[in-house]
Amino acid sequence: MAKTVPITLPNGRSWSKKGDAIEHFKAMLGRYADGSRVLDASDIADLEALLAVYDSVVPEGQSTKTGLGVAHFERRLNRDHPGHTSCFFVVRTDGSSIDFSTRRALDVASAQTR
């Protein structure tokens, strides 16, 4: 039987198992249309907290997803991946942007709670 690993983000949001966290972020993505900006304060807080966890394991010298700072988040069609799926993008304060995998970030979060 697989071990259930709880996930807790730095903003205090928590789930008793990773699958619930995945569903939370999947539902969040579903609330936005491609090309739209994330405006809900709770969604922004959750994405910022998840991004902080994700960036916490980036090796020194490599660029983080946050870069020089986060201006906002958007849902966009990601044409760089097979199937052209939609995902969250981090729009940085310098105007650059990069895709952000909530599942990969949740992998990092679950590894930190083991």
Protein backbone atom coordinates (compact mmCIF):
# COMPACT_ATOMS: atom_id res chain seq x y z
CA MET A 1 0.00 0.00 0.00
CA ALA A 2 1.33 3.42 -0.98
CA LYS A 3 2.11 5.85 1.81
CA THR A 4 -0.15 8.91 1.96
CA VAL A 5 2.02 12.02 2.05
CA PRO A 6 0.45 15.26 3.28
CA ILE A 7 1.42 18.52 1.60
CA THR A 8 1.73 21.85 3.37
CA LEU A 9 2.66 25.07 1.58
CA PRO A 10 4.42 28.06 3.17
CA ASN A 11 1.15 30.06 3.12
CA GLY A 12 -0.47 27.49 5.42
CA ARG A 13 -2.58 25.72 2.79
CA SER A 14 -2.45 21.97 3.32
CA TRP A 15 -3.89 18.71 2.05
CA SER A 16 -3.87 15.29 3.68
CA LYS A 17 -2.67 13.68 0.46
CA LYS A 18 -0.94 14.75 -2.73
CA GLY A 19 -3.89 13.75 -4.92
CA ASP A 20 -6.09 16.31 -3.19
CA ALA A 21 -3.50 19.03 -3.85
CA ILE A 22 -3.28 18.00 -7.51
CA GLU A 23 -7.07 18.27 -7.80
CA HIS A 24 -7.02 21.69 -6.11
CA PHE A 25 -4.61 23.12 -8.68
CA LYS A 26 -6.33 21.32 -11.55
CA ALA A 27 -9.65 22.91 -10.53
CA MET A 28 -7.90 26.28 -10.20
CA LEU A 29 -6.54 26.00 -13.75
CA GLY A 30 -10.03 25.11 -14.93
CA ARG A 31 -11.46 28.35 -13.54
CA TYR A 32 -9.40 30.42 -15.97
CA ALA A 33 -9.45 30.65 -19.75
CA ASP A 34 -6.32 30.62 -21.89
CA GLY A 35 -4.85 34.11 -21.96
CA SER A 36 -6.45 35.21 -18.70
CA ARG A 37 -4.68 36.56 -15.65
CA VAL A 38 -5.12 34.91 -12.25
CA LEU A 39 -6.99 37.50 -10.16
CA ASP A 40 -8.36 35.63 -7.14
CA ALA A 41 -6.22 36.51 -4.09
CA SER A 42 -6.43 32.98 -2.68
CA ASP A 43 -5.34 31.46 -6.01
CA ILE A 44 -2.43 33.89 -6.24
CA ALA A 45 -1.33 33.07 -2.67
CA ASP A 46 -1.44 29.34 -3.42
CA LEU A 47 0.53 29.72 -6.66
CA GLU A 48 3.12 31.96 -4.99
CA ALA A 49 3.56 29.48 -2.14
CA LEU A 50 3.84 26.53 -4.51
CA LEU A 51 6.33 28.42 -6.65
CA ALA A 52 8.44 29.20 -3.56
CA VAL A 53 8.61 25.47 -2.79
CA TYR A 54 9.51 24.67 -6.39
CA ASP A 55 12.26 27.29 -6.50
CA SER A 56 13.68 26.15 -3.15
CA VAL A 57 15.37 23.16 -4.78
CA VAL A 58 16.85 24.93 -7.81
CA PRO A 59 20.64 24.47 -7.72
CA GLU A 60 22.67 27.58 -7.03
CA GLY A 61 23.56 29.40 -10.23
CA GLN A 62 20.49 28.24 -12.15
CA SER A 63 17.61 30.60 -12.73
CA THR A 64 14.45 30.16 -10.72
CA LYS A 65 10.90 30.40 -11.99
CA THR A 66 10.44 33.65 -10.03
CA GLY A 67 13.51 35.31 -11.57
CA LEU A 68 13.70 38.88 -10.25
CA GLY A 69 10.13 38.73 -8.95
CA VAL A 70 6.60 37.75 -9.89
CA ALA A 71 4.33 40.36 -11.44
CA HIS A 72 1.38 37.98 -11.89
CA PHE A 73 0.25 34.56 -13.09
CA GLU A 74 -1.63 33.71 -16.28
CA ARG A 75 -3.17 30.63 -17.83
CA ARG A 76 -1.79 30.11 -21.32
CA LEU A 77 -1.63 27.45 -23.99
CA ASN A 78 1.84 25.92 -23.78
CA ARG A 79 2.91 25.15 -27.32
CA ASP A 80 6.35 23.89 -26.22
CA HIS A 81 4.98 20.61 -24.87
CA PRO A 82 3.40 17.70 -26.72
CA GLY A 83 -0.36 18.03 -26.96
CA HIS A 84 -0.25 21.81 -26.55
CA THR A 85 -1.70 21.81 -23.05
CA SER A 86 -2.73 24.78 -20.95
CA CYS A 87 -0.84 25.60 -17.78
CA PHE A 88 0.07 28.47 -15.50
CA PHE A 89 2.76 30.90 -16.57
CA VAL A 90 4.75 33.12 -14.24
CA VAL A 91 4.98 36.66 -15.61
CA ARG A 92 8.00 38.24 -14.00
CA THR A 93 8.55 41.85 -13.02
CA ASP A 94 11.07 42.23 -15.85
CA GLY A 95 8.37 41.29 -18.40
CA SER A 96 9.70 37.79 -19.13
CA SER A 97 7.53 34.74 -18.56
CA ILE A 98 7.94 31.00 -18.11
CA ASP A 99 5.61 28.03 -17.75
CA PHE A 100 5.03 26.55 -14.32
CA SER A 101 4.12 22.91 -13.69
CA THR A 102 2.01 22.62 -10.56
CA ARG A 103 2.48 18.83 -10.61
CA ARG A 104 6.28 19.08 -10.61
CA ALA A 105 6.10 21.64 -7.83
CA LEU A 106 3.82 19.32 -5.84
CA ASP A 107 6.38 16.55 -6.35
CA VAL A 108 8.93 18.82 -4.66
CA ALA A 109 6.46 19.69 -1.89
CA SER A 110 5.68 16.07 -1.19
CA ALA A 111 9.37 15.15 -1.12
CA GLN A 112 10.00 17.87 1.47
CA THR A 113 7.39 16.47 3.86
CA ARG A 114 8.71 12.90 3.87
